[in-house]
C-alpha atoms as a PDB file:
ATOM      1  CA  MET A   1      19.164 -12.257  10.921  1.00  0.00           C
ATOM      2  CA  ILE A   2      16.144 -11.223   8.181  1.00  0.00           C
ATOM      3  CA  ARG A   3      13.744 -13.365   7.514  1.00  0.00           C
ATOM      4  CA  ALA A   4      11.059 -11.472   6.005  1.00  0.00           C
ATOM      5  CA  ILE A   5      10.426  -8.436   3.542  1.00  0.00           C
ATOM      6  CA  PHE A   6       7.498  -6.033   2.810  1.00  0.00           C
ATOM      7  CA  PHE A   7       7.284  -3.967  -0.023  1.00  0.00           C
ATOM      8  CA  ASP A   8       4.929  -1.198  -0.858  1.00  0.00           C
ATOM      9  CA  ILE A   9       3.833  -1.444  -3.976  1.00  0.00           C
ATOM     10  CA  ASP A  10       3.485   2.064  -5.984  1.00  0.00           C
ATOM     11  CA  GLY A  11       6.546   4.396  -5.472  1.00  0.00           C
ATOM     12  CA  THR A  12       8.333   0.828  -4.223  1.00  0.00           C
ATOM     13  CA  LEU A  13       8.283  -2.070  -6.203  1.00  0.00           C
ATOM     14  CA  LEU A  14       6.354  -0.343  -9.026  1.00  0.00           C
ATOM     15  CA  SER A  15       7.730   3.114 -11.033  1.00  0.00           C
ATOM     16  CA  PHE A  16       5.809   5.862 -11.150  1.00  0.00           C
ATOM     17  CA  GLN A  17       7.270   6.568 -14.113  1.00  0.00           C
ATOM     18  CA  THR A  18       7.322   3.540 -16.313  1.00  0.00           C
ATOM     19  CA  HIS A  19       4.250   1.715 -14.322  1.00  0.00           C
ATOM     20  CA  GLN A  20       6.439  -1.548 -14.433  1.00  0.00           C
ATOM     21  CA  VAL A  21       8.417  -3.422 -12.403  1.00  0.00           C
ATOM     22  CA  PRO A  22      12.384  -2.634 -12.547  1.00  0.00           C
ATOM     23  CA  VAL A  23      14.466  -4.989 -13.738  1.00  0.00           C
ATOM     24  CA  SER A  24      17.064  -5.346 -11.113  1.00  0.00           C
ATOM     25  CA  THR A  25      13.975  -5.540  -8.160  1.00  0.00           C
ATOM     26  CA  GLN A  26      12.228  -8.663 -10.522  1.00  0.00           C
ATOM     27  CA  LYS A  27      16.385 -10.698  -9.774  1.00  0.00           C
ATOM     28  CA  ALA A  28      16.335  -9.450  -6.509  1.00  0.00           C
ATOM     29  CA  LEU A  29      12.855 -11.159  -5.532  1.00  0.00           C
ATOM     30  CA  GLN A  30      14.108 -14.075  -7.279  1.00  0.00           C
ATOM     31  CA  LEU A  31      17.508 -14.660  -5.313  1.00  0.00           C
ATOM     32  CA  LEU A  32      15.456 -14.059  -1.841  1.00  0.00           C
ATOM     33  CA  HIS A  33      12.765 -16.220  -2.917  1.00  0.00           C
ATOM     34  CA  GLU A  34      15.608 -19.208  -3.980  1.00  0.00           C
ATOM     35  CA  GLN A  35      17.184 -18.311  -0.177  1.00  0.00           C
ATOM     36  CA  GLY A  36      14.147 -19.198   1.197  1.00  0.00           C
ATOM     37  CA  MET A  37      13.126 -15.421   2.610  1.00  0.00           C
ATOM     38  CA  LYS A  38       9.408 -14.999   3.158  1.00  0.00           C
ATOM     39  CA  LEU A  39       8.457 -12.108   0.546  1.00  0.00           C
ATOM     40  CA  PHE A  40       5.023  -9.784   1.355  1.00  0.00           C
ATOM     41  CA  VAL A  41       3.203  -6.799  -0.425  1.00  0.00           C
ATOM     42  CA  ALA A  42       2.187  -4.398   2.052  1.00  0.00           C
ATOM     43  CA  THR A  43      -0.114  -2.152   0.074  1.00  0.00           C
ATOM     44  CA  GLY A  44      -2.936   0.220   0.206  1.00  0.00           C
ATOM     45  CA  ARG A  45      -4.496  -1.052  -2.591  1.00  0.00           C
ATOM     46  CA  PRO A  46      -7.188  -3.720  -2.418  1.00  0.00           C
ATOM     47  CA  PRO A  47      -6.572  -7.186  -3.330  1.00  0.00           C
ATOM     48  CA  LYS A  48      -8.162  -7.307  -6.699  1.00  0.00           C
ATOM     49  CA  THR A  49      -5.857  -4.229  -7.686  1.00  0.00           C
ATOM     50  CA  ALA A  50      -2.562  -5.633  -5.564  1.00  0.00           C
ATOM     51  CA  ALA A  51      -2.941  -8.343  -8.301  1.00  0.00           C
ATOM     52  CA  TYR A  52      -2.157  -6.286 -11.006  1.00  0.00           C
ATOM     53  CA  LEU A  53       1.451  -6.915 -10.366  1.00  0.00           C
ATOM     54  CA  LEU A  54       1.047 -10.412 -11.856  1.00  0.00           C
ATOM     55  CA  ASP A  55       0.168  -8.452 -14.808  1.00  0.00           C
ATOM     56  CA  VAL A  56       3.857  -7.197 -15.356  1.00  0.00           C
ATOM     57  CA  PHE A  57       5.910  -9.259 -13.274  1.00  0.00           C
ATOM     58  CA  ASP A  58       5.087 -13.314 -12.529  1.00  0.00           C
ATOM     59  CA  PHE A  59       5.924 -13.480  -9.327  1.00  0.00           C
ATOM     60  CA  HIS A  60       3.858 -14.795  -6.299  1.00  0.00           C
ATOM     61  CA  PHE A  61       4.524 -13.419  -2.874  1.00  0.00           C
ATOM     62  CA  ASP A  62       3.961 -15.751   0.279  1.00  0.00           C
ATOM     63  CA  GLY A  63       1.678 -13.045   1.125  1.00  0.00           C
ATOM     64  CA  TYR A  64      -0.808  -9.871   0.578  1.00  0.00           C
ATOM     65  CA  VAL A  65      -0.980  -7.279   3.554  1.00  0.00           C
ATOM     66  CA  THR A  66      -3.737  -5.699   1.781  1.00  0.00           C
ATOM     67  CA  MET A  67      -5.917  -2.148   1.967  1.00  0.00           C
ATOM     68  CA  ASN A  68      -3.361  -0.668   4.753  1.00  0.00           C
ATOM     69  CA  GLY A  69      -3.573  -4.078   6.618  1.00  0.00           C
ATOM     70  CA  GLN A  70      -7.270  -4.176   6.348  1.00  0.00           C
ATOM     71  CA  TYR A  71      -7.495  -7.369   4.621  1.00  0.00           C
ATOM     72  CA  CYS A  72      -4.747 -10.012   4.499  1.00  0.00           C
ATOM     73  CA  LEU A  73      -4.256 -13.337   2.891  1.00  0.00           C
ATOM     74  CA  VAL A  74      -1.928 -16.017   2.374  1.00  0.00           C
ATOM     75  CA  GLY A  75      -2.663 -18.080  -1.226  1.00  0.00           C
ATOM     76  CA  ASP A  76      -6.284 -18.290  -0.794  1.00  0.00           C
ATOM     77  CA  GLN A  77      -6.960 -17.791   2.905  1.00  0.00           C
ATOM     78  CA  VAL A  78      -7.964 -14.703   4.602  1.00  0.00           C
ATOM     79  CA  ILE A  79      -5.959 -14.318   7.924  1.00  0.00           C
ATOM     80  CA  TYR A  80      -6.788 -11.112   9.128  1.00  0.00           C
ATOM     81  CA  GLU A  81      -9.741  -8.765   8.211  1.00  0.00           C
ATOM     82  CA  GLN A  82     -11.500  -5.883   9.726  1.00  0.00           C
ATOM     83  CA  CYS A  83     -13.999  -3.193   8.274  1.00  0.00           C
ATOM     84  CA  ILE A  84     -15.344  -0.096   8.751  1.00  0.00           C
ATOM     85  CA  PRO A  85     -18.488  -0.416  11.286  1.00  0.00           C
ATOM     86  CA  SER A  86     -21.776   0.457   8.536  1.00  0.00           C
ATOM     87  CA  GLN A  87     -22.780   3.171  11.399  1.00  0.00           C
ATOM     88  CA  ALA A  88     -20.150   5.410  11.072  1.00  0.00           C
ATOM     89  CA  ILE A  89     -20.303   5.264   7.368  1.00  0.00           C
ATOM     90  CA  ALA A  90     -23.810   5.801   7.907  1.00  0.00           C
ATOM     91  CA  GLN A  91     -22.998   9.273   9.353  1.00  0.00           C
ATOM     92  CA  LEU A  92     -20.853  10.346   6.633  1.00  0.00           C
ATOM     93  CA  LEU A  93     -23.082   9.876   3.644  1.00  0.00           C
ATOM     94  CA  PRO A  94     -24.926  13.313   4.368  1.00  0.00           C
ATOM     95  CA  TYR A  95     -21.891  14.946   4.483  1.00  0.00           C
ATOM     96  CA  LEU A  96     -20.196  13.496   1.156  1.00  0.00           C
ATOM     97  CA  GLU A  97     -23.586  14.698  -0.672  1.00  0.00           C
ATOM     98  CA  ARG A  98     -23.605  17.701   1.218  1.00  0.00           C
ATOM     99  CA  GLU A  99     -20.104  18.849   0.195  1.00  0.00           C
ATOM    100  CA  GLN A 100     -19.976  17.225  -3.064  1.00  0.00           C
ATOM    101  CA  ILE A 101     -17.488  15.354  -1.704  1.00  0.00           C
ATOM    102  CA  ALA A 102     -15.797  12.637  -4.161  1.00  0.00           C
ATOM    103  CA  CYS A 103     -15.108   9.430  -2.516  1.00  0.00           C
ATOM    104  CA  ASP A 104     -14.174   5.511  -3.602  1.00  0.00           C
ATOM    105  CA  PHE A 105     -15.394   2.465  -1.433  1.00  0.00           C
ATOM    106  CA  VAL A 106     -13.501  -0.282  -1.449  1.00  0.00           C
ATOM    107  CA  GLU A 107     -14.949  -3.710  -0.952  1.00  0.00           C
ATOM    108  CA  ARG A 108     -12.988  -6.886  -1.338  1.00  0.00           C
ATOM    109  CA  ASP A 109     -13.360  -6.956  -4.522  1.00  0.00           C
ATOM    110  CA  TYR A 110     -15.231  -3.924  -5.812  1.00  0.00           C
ATOM    111  CA  VAL A 111     -14.256  -0.800  -5.945  1.00  0.00           C
ATOM    112  CA  TYR A 112     -16.789   2.038  -6.478  1.00  0.00           C
ATOM    113  CA  ILE A 113     -17.288   5.816  -6.129  1.00  0.00           C
ATOM    114  CA  ASN A 114     -20.699   8.163  -4.945  1.00  0.00           C
ATOM    115  CA  LEU A 115     -19.389  10.930  -7.568  1.00  0.00           C
ATOM    116  CA  TYR A 116     -17.333  12.615 -10.532  1.00  0.00           C
ATOM    117  CA  ASN A 117     -16.062  15.662  -9.621  1.00  0.00           C
ATOM    118  CA  GLU A 118     -12.843  17.821 -11.583  1.00  0.00           C
ATOM    119  CA  LYS A 119     -10.931  16.788  -8.686  1.00  0.00           C
ATOM    120  CA  ALA A 120     -11.329  13.141  -8.468  1.00  0.00           C
ATOM    121  CA  ARG A 121     -10.656  13.058 -12.461  1.00  0.00           C
ATOM    122  CA  GLN A 122      -7.522  15.408 -12.354  1.00  0.00           C
ATOM    123  CA  ILE A 123      -5.849  13.426  -9.381  1.00  0.00           C
ATOM    124  CA  SER A 124      -6.615  10.220 -11.389  1.00  0.00           C
ATOM    125  CA  GLU A 125      -4.769  11.464 -14.578  1.00  0.00           C
ATOM    126  CA  ALA A 126      -1.861  13.104 -12.769  1.00  0.00           C
ATOM    127  CA  LEU A 127      -1.547   9.534 -11.265  1.00  0.00           C
ATOM    128  CA  GLY A 128      -1.591   7.497 -14.350  1.00  0.00           C
ATOM    129  CA  ARG A 129      -4.426   5.446 -11.844  1.00  0.00           C
ATOM    130  CA  PRO A 130      -7.483   5.183 -14.112  1.00  0.00           C
ATOM    131  CA  ASP A 131      -7.987   2.179 -11.497  1.00  0.00           C
ATOM    132  CA  ILE A 132      -8.751   4.825  -8.384  1.00  0.00           C
ATOM    133  CA  LEU A 133     -12.074   5.927  -9.641  1.00  0.00           C
ATOM    134  CA  GLY A 134     -14.850   2.783 -10.046  1.00  0.00           C
ATOM    135  CA  PRO A 135     -17.874   3.027 -11.516  1.00  0.00           C
ATOM    136  CA  VAL A 136     -20.342   5.448  -9.913  1.00  0.00           C
ATOM    137  CA  GLU A 137     -23.139   3.652  -7.382  1.00  0.00           C
ATOM    138  CA  ASP A 138     -26.050   4.023  -4.987  1.00  0.00           C
ATOM    139  CA  VAL A 139     -23.883   5.036  -1.623  1.00  0.00           C
ATOM    140  CA  ARG A 140     -26.808   3.271   0.289  1.00  0.00           C
ATOM    141  CA  ARG A 141     -24.372  -0.045  -0.762  1.00  0.00           C
ATOM    142  CA  ALA A 142     -22.048   0.837   2.115  1.00  0.00           C
ATOM    143  CA  LEU A 143     -24.632   0.099   4.751  1.00  0.00           C
ATOM    144  CA  ASN A 144     -24.993  -3.261   3.276  1.00  0.00           C
ATOM    145  CA  HIS A 145     -21.706  -4.582   2.310  1.00  0.00           C
ATOM    146  CA  LYS A 146     -18.203  -4.724   3.642  1.00  0.00           C
ATOM    147  CA  ILE A 147     -15.916  -1.549   3.644  1.00  0.00           C
ATOM    148  CA  TYR A 148     -12.729  -2.136   4.341  1.00  0.00           C
ATOM    149  CA  GLN A 149     -11.227   1.341   3.189  1.00  0.00           C
ATOM    150  CA  LEU A 150     -12.530   4.484   2.003  1.00  0.00           C
ATOM    151  CA  SER A 151     -10.722   6.877  -0.485  1.00  0.00           C
ATOM    152  CA  PRO A 152     -11.735  10.597  -0.370  1.00  0.00           C
ATOM    153  CA  PHE A 153     -10.185  13.043  -2.562  1.00  0.00           C
ATOM    154  CA  ILE A 154      -9.536  15.506  -0.169  1.00  0.00           C
ATOM    155  CA  TYR A 155      -6.563  17.407   0.676  1.00  0.00           C
ATOM    156  CA  ALA A 156      -5.026  17.101   4.261  1.00  0.00           C
ATOM    157  CA  GLU A 157      -6.328  20.586   5.567  1.00  0.00           C
ATOM    158  CA  GLU A 158      -9.883  18.896   4.997  1.00  0.00           C
ATOM    159  CA  GLU A 159      -9.582  15.749   6.470  1.00  0.00           C
ATOM    160  CA  GLU A 160     -10.143  17.344  10.685  1.00  0.00           C
ATOM    161  CA  GLU A 161     -13.325  18.057   9.198  1.00  0.00           C
ATOM    162  CA  PHE A 162     -14.070  15.465   7.334  1.00  0.00           C
ATOM    163  CA  PHE A 163     -13.523  12.938  10.378  1.00  0.00           C
ATOM    164  CA  ARG A 164     -15.953  15.161  12.292  1.00  0.00           C
ATOM    165  CA  HIS A 165     -18.595  13.339  10.107  1.00  0.00           C
ATOM    166  CA  LEU A 166     -16.556   9.847  10.422  1.00  0.00           C
ATOM    167  CA  PRO A 167     -15.873   8.291  13.646  1.00  0.00           C
ATOM    168  CA  GLY A 168     -13.643   6.131  14.820  1.00  0.00           C
ATOM    169  CA  CYS A 169     -11.377   6.091  11.813  1.00  0.00           C
ATOM    170  CA  LYS A 170      -7.884   7.735  10.844  1.00  0.00           C
ATOM    171  CA  SER A 171      -6.070   8.466   7.603  1.00  0.00           C
ATOM    172  CA  ALA A 172      -3.479   6.579   5.906  1.00  0.00           C
ATOM    173  CA  ARG A 173      -2.268   9.505   3.263  1.00  0.00           C
ATOM    174  CA  TRP A 174       0.387   8.296   0.980  1.00  0.00           C
ATOM    175  CA  THR A 175      -0.386  11.206  -1.718  1.00  0.00           C
ATOM    176  CA  PRO A 176      -1.521  14.797  -1.168  1.00  0.00           C
ATOM    177  CA  LEU A 177      -3.820  14.413  -3.457  1.00  0.00           C
ATOM    178  CA  PHE A 178      -6.259  11.709  -1.264  1.00  0.00           C
ATOM    179  CA  ALA A 179      -6.653   9.859   1.409  1.00  0.00           C
ATOM    180  CA  ASP A 180      -7.385   6.095   2.340  1.00  0.00           C
ATOM    181  CA  ILE A 181      -9.395   5.808   5.503  1.00  0.00           C
ATOM    182  CA  ILE A 182      -9.284   3.040   7.994  1.00  0.00           C
ATOM    183  CA  PRO A 183     -10.531   2.285  11.570  1.00  0.00           C
ATOM    184  CA  ALA A 184      -8.440   4.199  13.939  1.00  0.00           C
ATOM    185  CA  GLU A 185      -6.829   0.726  15.459  1.00  0.00           C
ATOM    186  CA  GLY A 186      -5.528  -0.520  11.420  1.00  0.00           C
ATOM    187  CA  GLY A 187      -2.614   0.159   9.558  1.00  0.00           C
ATOM    188  CA  LYS A 188      -0.454  -1.521   7.664  1.00  0.00           C
ATOM    189  CA  PRO A 189       1.409  -2.662  11.016  1.00  0.00           C
ATOM    190  CA  THR A 190      -1.560  -4.376  12.433  1.00  0.00           C
ATOM    191  CA  GLY A 191      -2.246  -6.027   9.095  1.00  0.00           C
ATOM    192  CA  MET A 192       1.993  -6.854   9.158  1.00  0.00           C
ATOM    193  CA  ALA A 193       1.859  -8.324  12.309  1.00  0.00           C
ATOM    194  CA  GLN A 194      -0.446 -10.820  11.416  1.00  0.00           C
ATOM    195  CA  MET A 195       1.101 -11.830   8.423  1.00  0.00           C
ATOM    196  CA  LEU A 196       4.427 -12.775  10.880  1.00  0.00           C
ATOM    197  CA  ALA A 197       2.878 -14.544  13.791  1.00  0.00           C
ATOM    198  CA  HIS A 198       1.329 -16.759  10.962  1.00  0.00           C
ATOM    199  CA  PHE A 199       4.801 -17.479   9.619  1.00  0.00           C
ATOM    200  CA  ASP A 200       6.317 -17.198  13.147  1.00  0.00           C
ATOM    201  CA  ILE A 201       8.240 -14.310  12.389  1.00  0.00           C
ATOM    202  CA  HIS A 202       9.546 -11.957  15.042  1.00  0.00           C
ATOM    203  CA  PRO A 203       9.195  -8.148  13.631  1.00  0.00           C
ATOM    204  CA  GLN A 204      12.857  -7.597  14.821  1.00  0.00           C
ATOM    205  CA  GLU A 205      13.108 -10.321  11.759  1.00  0.00           C
ATOM    206  CA  ALA A 206      11.590  -8.397   9.354  1.00  0.00           C
ATOM    207  CA  MET A 207      12.689  -5.708   6.749  1.00  0.00           C
ATOM    208  CA  ALA A 208      10.049  -3.493   4.839  1.00  0.00           C
ATOM    209  CA  PHE A 209      10.583  -1.249   2.359  1.00  0.00           C
ATOM    210  CA  GLY A 210       8.201   2.314   1.300  1.00  0.00           C
ATOM    211  CA  ASP A 211       8.247   5.670   0.259  1.00  0.00           C
ATOM    212  CA  GLY A 212       4.819   7.151   0.942  1.00  0.00           C
ATOM    213  CA  GLY A 213       3.121   8.680   4.288  1.00  0.00           C
ATOM    214  CA  ASN A 214       1.007   5.488   4.844  1.00  0.00           C
ATOM    215  CA  ASP A 215       4.949   3.427   4.842  1.00  0.00           C
ATOM    216  CA  LEU A 216       6.139   5.883   7.732  1.00  0.00           C
ATOM    217  CA  GLU A 217       4.629   3.326  10.177  1.00  0.00           C
ATOM    218  CA  MET A 218       5.702   0.020   8.818  1.00  0.00           C
ATOM    219  CA  LEU A 219       9.009   1.002   8.486  1.00  0.00           C
ATOM    220  CA  GLN A 220       9.108   1.936  11.854  1.00  0.00           C
ATOM    221  CA  TYR A 221       7.205  -1.312  13.406  1.00  0.00           C
ATOM    222  CA  VAL A 222       9.908  -3.544  11.779  1.00  0.00           C
ATOM    223  CA  GLY A 223      13.466  -4.289  12.935  1.00  0.00           C
ATOM    224  CA  THR A 224      14.895  -2.586   9.468  1.00  0.00           C
ATOM    225  CA  GLY A 225      12.870   0.313   7.569  1.00  0.00           C
ATOM    226  CA  VAL A 226      14.386   0.729   4.146  1.00  0.00           C
ATOM    227  CA  ALA A 227      12.829   4.531   2.847  1.00  0.00           C
ATOM    228  CA  MET A 228      12.986   4.473  -1.329  1.00  0.00           C
ATOM    229  CA  GLY A 229      15.135   7.899  -2.734  1.00  0.00           C
ATOM    230  CA  ASN A 230      11.917   8.632  -3.996  1.00  0.00           C
ATOM    231  CA  ALA A 231      10.056   8.903  -0.402  1.00  0.00           C
ATOM    232  CA  VAL A 232       8.116  11.749   1.521  1.00  0.00           C
ATOM    233  CA  ASP A 233      10.680  13.780   4.037  1.00  0.00           C
ATOM    234  CA  ALA A 234       8.848  11.823   6.898  1.00  0.00           C
ATOM    235  CA  VAL A 235       9.168   8.326   5.338  1.00  0.00           C
ATOM    236  CA  ARG A 236      13.203   9.182   4.738  1.00  0.00           C
ATOM    237  CA  ALA A 237      13.458  10.473   8.278  1.00  0.00           C
ATOM    238  CA  ALA A 238      11.757   7.670   9.803  1.00  0.00           C
ATOM    239  CA  ALA A 239      14.168   5.282   8.207  1.00  0.00           C
ATOM    240  CA  ASP A 240      17.035   3.189   9.406  1.00  0.00           C
ATOM    241  CA  TYR A 241      18.228   3.341   5.510  1.00  0.00           C
ATOM    242  CA  VAL A 242      17.525   5.706   2.743  1.00  0.00           C
ATOM    243  CA  THR A 243      18.348   3.721  -0.341  1.00  0.00           C
ATOM    244  CA  THR A 244      17.975   5.037  -4.369  1.00  0.00           C
ATOM    245  CA  ASP A 245      14.800   5.431  -6.027  1.00  0.00           C
ATOM    246  CA  VAL A 246      12.518   3.029  -7.478  1.00  0.00           C
ATOM    247  CA  ASP A 247      14.207   3.702 -10.694  1.00  0.00           C
ATOM    248  CA  HIS A 248      17.940   3.909 -10.192  1.00  0.00           C
ATOM    249  CA  ASP A 249      17.434   0.277  -8.234  1.00  0.00           C
ATOM    250  CA  GLY A 250      16.849   1.201  -4.849  1.00  0.00           C
ATOM    251  CA  ILE A 251      16.074  -2.011  -4.053  1.00  0.00           C
ATOM    252  CA  TRP A 252      19.006  -4.097  -5.486  1.00  0.00           C
ATOM    253  CA  ASN A 253      21.264  -1.552  -4.431  1.00  0.00           C
ATOM    254  CA  ALA A 254      19.718  -1.558  -0.125  1.00  0.00           C
ATOM    255  CA  LEU A 255      19.673  -5.412  -0.431  1.00  0.00           C
ATOM    256  CA  VAL A 256      23.480  -5.141  -1.400  1.00  0.00           C
ATOM    257  CA  HIS A 257      23.874  -2.684   1.238  1.00  0.00           C
ATOM    258  CA  PHE A 258      22.395  -4.960   4.173  1.00  0.00           C
ATOM    259  CA  GLY A 259      24.279  -8.204   2.983  1.00  0.00           C
ATOM    260  CA  LEU A 260      21.440  -9.795   1.408  1.00  0.00           C
ATOM    261  CA  LEU A 261      22.510  -9.969  -1.868  1.00  0.00           C
ATOM    262  CA  PRO A 262      26.161 -10.721  -2.777  1.00  0.00           C
ATOM    263  CA  ALA A 263      28.467  -7.114  -2.883  1.00  0.00           C
ATOM    264  CA  HIS A 264      30.506  -8.138  -5.426  1.00  0.00           C
ATOM    265  CA  SER A 265      26.552  -8.845  -7.262  1.00  0.00           C
ATOM    266  CA  ALA A 266      26.294  -6.685 -10.980  1.00  0.00           C
ATOM    267  CA  VAL A 267      22.725  -4.604 -11.316  1.00  0.00           C
ATOM    268  CA  PRO A 268      20.635  -6.565 -13.867  1.00  0.00           C
ATOM    269  CA  GLN A 269      20.124  -4.118 -16.925  1.00  0.00           C
ATOM    270  CA  PRO A 270      16.961  -4.931 -18.953  1.00  0.00           C
ATOM    271  CA  ALA A 271      17.259  -7.092 -21.991  1.00  0.00           C
ATOM    272  CA  ARG A 272      17.772  -5.132 -25.279  1.00  0.00           C
ATOM    273  CA  MET A 273      15.775  -5.757 -28.154  1.00  0.00           C
END
């Protein structure tokens, strides 16, 4: 029996095309809550930008696994947090400066960047996500403030060299354009385990929806992993089920498939103006 469901944000709850939560997804979440299902967000975003969902859809989840599992919230209660050690960041800073690599530094309530370059600007425009780029700051700030995640604007083939200068960390990449960097023992499943333990729910009683590379382990961790139709190939291959894409009622259709919504339910349509 499924008692809890985790949802990625970008490309799963939120469309890359419309930057909205589909009407069918909004209705599905409301129906599941009425049934007593525990519903969670599991995202690479920090808490501040994860809360952006409230701007497009007035719905409160039971918990938030943010920054790829590094910071987990139930209401205002922090149930788990893990930072990148400042010693590791100190080793990285000279390399970023020498190679002129743009990198976001992600604190709990603040995101800043060491420098703007053409790659960072192009990536921000391509994703339609101006919030990816924070203001430019003196990166020595990172030595005295908790950093939960780094987001360097590098491609996958550049990661090996990057990690030579940042020990004890790994990539949670969800796009070819940049990487989310977290502690080696971190990841969405780490935060999800804390969330499920808080609510006394076993992983086999949980379902997860995702589309990006950083969702692969999440789908494998729970009893039922669902890949969106727009998911990358590795995530589709790892999933128990592949639904339609986010813009074609993927979450609604999967929930009907698994019997969590009535099979005869009509897919909700946007209200006509």
